[in-house]
Amino acid sequence: MIEDNQIMDIEKEFQNCEEKVRHVLENHEKARNDDDLLIWIIKRHIEDADLNTFKEYKKTTNAETIRRNRAKIQNDDDDLLPTDPEVIEKRKLKEQKVREYFMTQGETEALEKFEKHQKQKQEKEEYTEKGVQKIS
């Protein structure tokens, strides 16, 4: 079970990471187009990590957290969008594929989960009714 202090730590890390990512995107235009460069700048220059040792690397912000923060910032802030037309097109295609997946597979899975939930709810109601009948 996740403790409240763990949730607060995650929220703090996310906010702190967002600030780092925003700073790099504002000051290094090429990092808007290249997640690897963005991650390297944050880990090496902002967090001042020695990336030659695994122990130091593990202390740095998770690369996926950095990437997700970049995506969130670029979705929210038109001033920090990628500048390379190829990157823009590539990201649009990836977004389209993800949407298509969730419109087909995601819909099917959601319907299956809903039906399962409805069945469990009905079974619980039937069980409760049987219990009430036995008591009466």
C-alpha atoms as a PDB file:
ATOM      1  CA  MET A   1       0.000   0.000   0.000  1.00  0.00           C
ATOM      2  CA  ILE A   2       1.285   3.471  -0.846  1.00  0.00           C
ATOM      3  CA  GLU A   3       1.692   5.761   2.142  1.00  0.00           C
ATOM      4  CA  ASP A   4       0.673   9.444   2.068  1.00  0.00           C
ATOM      5  CA  ASN A   5       4.303  10.562   2.354  1.00  0.00           C
ATOM      6  CA  GLN A   6       5.201   8.427  -0.700  1.00  0.00           C
ATOM      7  CA  ILE A   7       2.458  10.150  -2.704  1.00  0.00           C
ATOM      8  CA  MET A   8       3.758  13.532  -1.572  1.00  0.00           C
ATOM      9  CA  ASP A   9       7.288  12.532  -2.607  1.00  0.00           C
ATOM     10  CA  ILE A  10       6.041  11.481  -6.056  1.00  0.00           C
ATOM     11  CA  GLU A  11       4.119  14.756  -6.458  1.00  0.00           C
ATOM     12  CA  LYS A  12       7.167  16.762  -5.332  1.00  0.00           C
ATOM     13  CA  GLU A  13       9.423  14.887  -7.778  1.00  0.00           C
ATOM     14  CA  PHE A  14       6.939  15.460 -10.593  1.00  0.00           C
ATOM     15  CA  GLN A  15       6.717  19.209  -9.887  1.00  0.00           C
ATOM     16  CA  ASN A  16      10.475  19.472  -9.506  1.00  0.00           C
ATOM     17  CA  CYS A  17      10.966  17.531 -12.740  1.00  0.00           C
ATOM     18  CA  GLU A  18       8.471  19.727 -14.571  1.00  0.00           C
ATOM     19  CA  GLU A  19      10.433  22.811 -13.522  1.00  0.00           C
ATOM     20  CA  LYS A  20      13.692  21.261 -14.771  1.00  0.00           C
ATOM     21  CA  VAL A  21      12.148  20.207 -18.082  1.00  0.00           C
ATOM     22  CA  ARG A  22      10.550  23.619 -18.631  1.00  0.00           C
ATOM     23  CA  HIS A  23      13.882  25.324 -17.934  1.00  0.00           C
ATOM     24  CA  VAL A  24      15.708  23.153 -20.471  1.00  0.00           C
ATOM     25  CA  LEU A  25      12.988  23.543 -23.126  1.00  0.00           C
ATOM     26  CA  GLU A  26      13.084  27.313 -22.677  1.00  0.00           C
ATOM     27  CA  ASN A  27      16.885  27.518 -22.918  1.00  0.00           C
ATOM     28  CA  HIS A  28      17.837  24.694 -25.315  1.00  0.00           C
ATOM     29  CA  GLU A  29      15.678  24.694 -28.429  1.00  0.00           C
ATOM     30  CA  LYS A  30      17.214  21.454 -29.766  1.00  0.00           C
ATOM     31  CA  ALA A  31      16.014  19.625 -26.642  1.00  0.00           C
ATOM     32  CA  ARG A  32      12.415  20.308 -27.756  1.00  0.00           C
ATOM     33  CA  ASN A  33      13.011  17.896 -30.636  1.00  0.00           C
ATOM     34  CA  ASP A  34      15.116  15.243 -28.914  1.00  0.00           C
ATOM     35  CA  ASP A  35      14.114  13.479 -25.697  1.00  0.00           C
ATOM     36  CA  ASP A  36      17.542  11.863 -25.368  1.00  0.00           C
ATOM     37  CA  LEU A  37      19.220  15.273 -25.428  1.00  0.00           C
ATOM     38  CA  LEU A  38      16.663  16.658 -22.967  1.00  0.00           C
ATOM     39  CA  ILE A  39      17.250  13.742 -20.588  1.00  0.00           C
ATOM     40  CA  TRP A  40      21.028  14.032 -20.884  1.00  0.00           C
ATOM     41  CA  ILE A  41      21.001  17.799 -20.189  1.00  0.00           C
ATOM     42  CA  ILE A  42      18.847  17.316 -17.103  1.00  0.00           C
ATOM     43  CA  LYS A  43      20.823  14.398 -15.706  1.00  0.00           C
ATOM     44  CA  ARG A  44      24.301  15.674 -16.546  1.00  0.00           C
ATOM     45  CA  HIS A  45      24.038  19.442 -16.242  1.00  0.00           C
ATOM     46  CA  ILE A  46      21.084  20.241 -14.002  1.00  0.00           C
ATOM     47  CA  GLU A  47      21.355  17.290 -11.618  1.00  0.00           C
ATOM     48  CA  ASP A  48      25.159  17.257 -12.035  1.00  0.00           C
ATOM     49  CA  ALA A  49      25.298  13.459 -12.102  1.00  0.00           C
ATOM     50  CA  ASP A  50      28.317  11.393 -13.011  1.00  0.00           C
ATOM     51  CA  LEU A  51      26.681   9.247 -15.672  1.00  0.00           C
ATOM     52  CA  ASN A  52      29.665   6.882 -15.748  1.00  0.00           C
ATOM     53  CA  THR A  53      28.497   5.123 -12.594  1.00  0.00           C
ATOM     54  CA  PHE A  54      25.236   3.239 -12.290  1.00  0.00           C
ATOM     55  CA  LYS A  55      24.869   4.276  -8.648  1.00  0.00           C
ATOM     56  CA  GLU A  56      24.899   7.968  -9.603  1.00  0.00           C
ATOM     57  CA  TYR A  57      22.653   7.358 -12.605  1.00  0.00           C
ATOM     58  CA  LYS A  58      20.004   5.709 -10.381  1.00  0.00           C
ATOM     59  CA  LYS A  59      19.883   8.851  -8.211  1.00  0.00           C
ATOM     60  CA  THR A  60      18.769  10.973 -11.150  1.00  0.00           C
ATOM     61  CA  THR A  61      15.237  11.670 -12.334  1.00  0.00           C
ATOM     62  CA  ASN A  62      13.653   8.774 -14.203  1.00  0.00           C
ATOM     63  CA  ALA A  63      13.927   9.229 -17.984  1.00  0.00           C
ATOM     64  CA  GLU A  64      10.265   8.340 -18.541  1.00  0.00           C
ATOM     65  CA  THR A  65       9.227  10.971 -15.982  1.00  0.00           C
ATOM     66  CA  ILE A  66      11.263  13.531 -17.922  1.00  0.00           C
ATOM     67  CA  ARG A  67       9.698  12.445 -21.229  1.00  0.00           C
ATOM     68  CA  ARG A  68       6.159  12.586 -19.828  1.00  0.00           C
ATOM     69  CA  ASN A  69       6.776  16.037 -18.397  1.00  0.00           C
ATOM     70  CA  ARG A  70       8.085  17.193 -21.786  1.00  0.00           C
ATOM     71  CA  ALA A  71       4.939  15.879 -23.468  1.00  0.00           C
ATOM     72  CA  LYS A  72       2.688  17.564 -20.901  1.00  0.00           C
ATOM     73  CA  ILE A  73       4.490  20.884 -21.205  1.00  0.00           C
ATOM     74  CA  GLN A  74       4.459  20.803 -25.007  1.00  0.00           C
ATOM     75  CA  ASN A  75       0.761  19.908 -25.007  1.00  0.00           C
ATOM     76  CA  ASP A  76      -0.009  22.792 -22.647  1.00  0.00           C
ATOM     77  CA  ASP A  77       2.400  25.461 -23.905  1.00  0.00           C
ATOM     78  CA  ASP A  78       2.503  26.411 -27.594  1.00  0.00           C
ATOM     79  CA  ASP A  79       5.715  28.406 -27.063  1.00  0.00           C
ATOM     80  CA  LEU A  80       7.772  25.285 -26.301  1.00  0.00           C
ATOM     81  CA  LEU A  81       6.725  23.029 -29.171  1.00  0.00           C
ATOM     82  CA  PRO A  82       9.271  21.114 -31.259  1.00  0.00           C
ATOM     83  CA  THR A  83      10.918  23.173 -33.968  1.00  0.00           C
ATOM     84  CA  ASP A  84      11.782  20.316 -36.353  1.00  0.00           C
ATOM     85  CA  PRO A  85       8.898  19.579 -38.788  1.00  0.00           C
ATOM     86  CA  GLU A  86       9.908  15.887 -38.970  1.00  0.00           C
ATOM     87  CA  VAL A  87       9.636  15.536 -35.183  1.00  0.00           C
ATOM     88  CA  ILE A  88       6.253  17.260 -35.208  1.00  0.00           C
ATOM     89  CA  GLU A  89       4.974  14.886 -37.903  1.00  0.00           C
ATOM     90  CA  LYS A  90       6.425  11.803 -36.178  1.00  0.00           C
ATOM     91  CA  ARG A  91       4.786  12.716 -32.865  1.00  0.00           C
ATOM     92  CA  LYS A  92       1.446  13.425 -34.584  1.00  0.00           C
ATOM     93  CA  LEU A  93       1.528  10.001 -36.271  1.00  0.00           C
ATOM     94  CA  LYS A  94       2.353   8.284 -32.978  1.00  0.00           C
ATOM     95  CA  GLU A  95      -0.496  10.117 -31.239  1.00  0.00           C
ATOM     96  CA  GLN A  96      -2.877   9.111 -34.026  1.00  0.00           C
ATOM     97  CA  LYS A  97      -1.844   5.438 -33.733  1.00  0.00           C
ATOM     98  CA  VAL A  98      -2.338   5.487 -29.971  1.00  0.00           C
ATOM     99  CA  ARG A  99      -5.789   7.061 -30.381  1.00  0.00           C
ATOM    100  CA  GLU A 100      -6.750   4.466 -33.000  1.00  0.00           C
ATOM    101  CA  TYR A 101      -5.627   1.678 -30.704  1.00  0.00           C
ATOM    102  CA  PHE A 102      -7.705   2.943 -27.813  1.00  0.00           C
ATOM    103  CA  MET A 103     -10.684   3.528 -30.063  1.00  0.00           C
ATOM    104  CA  THR A 104     -10.618  -0.147 -31.110  1.00  0.00           C
ATOM    105  CA  GLN A 105      -8.820  -2.274 -28.512  1.00  0.00           C
ATOM    106  CA  GLY A 106      -9.455   0.107 -25.653  1.00  0.00           C
ATOM    107  CA  GLU A 107     -13.170   0.214 -26.392  1.00  0.00           C
ATOM    108  CA  THR A 108     -13.377  -3.574 -26.447  1.00  0.00           C
ATOM    109  CA  GLU A 109     -11.455  -3.914 -23.181  1.00  0.00           C
ATOM    110  CA  ALA A 110     -13.556  -1.205 -21.520  1.00  0.00           C
ATOM    111  CA  LEU A 111     -16.752  -2.961 -22.577  1.00  0.00           C
ATOM    112  CA  GLU A 112     -15.472  -6.293 -21.239  1.00  0.00           C
ATOM    113  CA  LYS A 113     -14.536  -4.685 -17.907  1.00  0.00           C
ATOM    114  CA  PHE A 114     -17.930  -2.985 -17.700  1.00  0.00           C
ATOM    115  CA  GLU A 115     -19.768  -6.247 -18.392  1.00  0.00           C
ATOM    116  CA  LYS A 116     -17.662  -8.082 -15.806  1.00  0.00           C
ATOM    117  CA  HIS A 117     -18.379  -5.348 -13.251  1.00  0.00           C
ATOM    118  CA  GLN A 118     -22.106  -5.511 -14.004  1.00  0.00           C
ATOM    119  CA  LYS A 119     -22.083  -9.297 -13.587  1.00  0.00           C
ATOM    120  CA  GLN A 120     -20.249  -9.049 -10.252  1.00  0.00           C
ATOM    121  CA  LYS A 121     -22.683  -6.370  -9.084  1.00  0.00           C
ATOM    122  CA  GLN A 122     -25.655  -8.556 -10.044  1.00  0.00           C
ATOM    123  CA  GLU A 123     -24.149 -11.604  -8.290  1.00  0.00           C
ATOM    124  CA  LYS A 124     -23.564  -9.535  -5.166  1.00  0.00           C
ATOM    125  CA  GLU A 125     -27.175  -8.303  -5.212  1.00  0.00           C
ATOM    126  CA  GLU A 126     -28.456 -11.876  -5.669  1.00  0.00           C
ATOM    127  CA  TYR A 127     -26.261 -13.107  -2.828  1.00  0.00           C
ATOM    128  CA  THR A 128     -27.510 -10.292  -0.585  1.00  0.00           C
ATOM    129  CA  GLU A 129     -31.138 -11.079  -1.464  1.00  0.00           C
ATOM    130  CA  LYS A 130     -30.612 -14.769  -0.633  1.00  0.00           C
ATOM    131  CA  GLY A 131     -29.028 -13.800   2.691  1.00  0.00           C
ATOM    132  CA  VAL A 132     -31.957 -11.535   3.549  1.00  0.00           C
ATOM    133  CA  GLN A 133     -34.431 -14.316   2.648  1.00  0.00           C
ATOM    134  CA  LYS A 134     -32.637 -16.776   4.940  1.00  0.00           C
ATOM    135  CA  ILE A 135     -32.739 -14.320   7.859  1.00  0.00           C
ATOM    136  CA  SER A 136     -36.469 -13.621   7.380  1.00  0.00           C
END
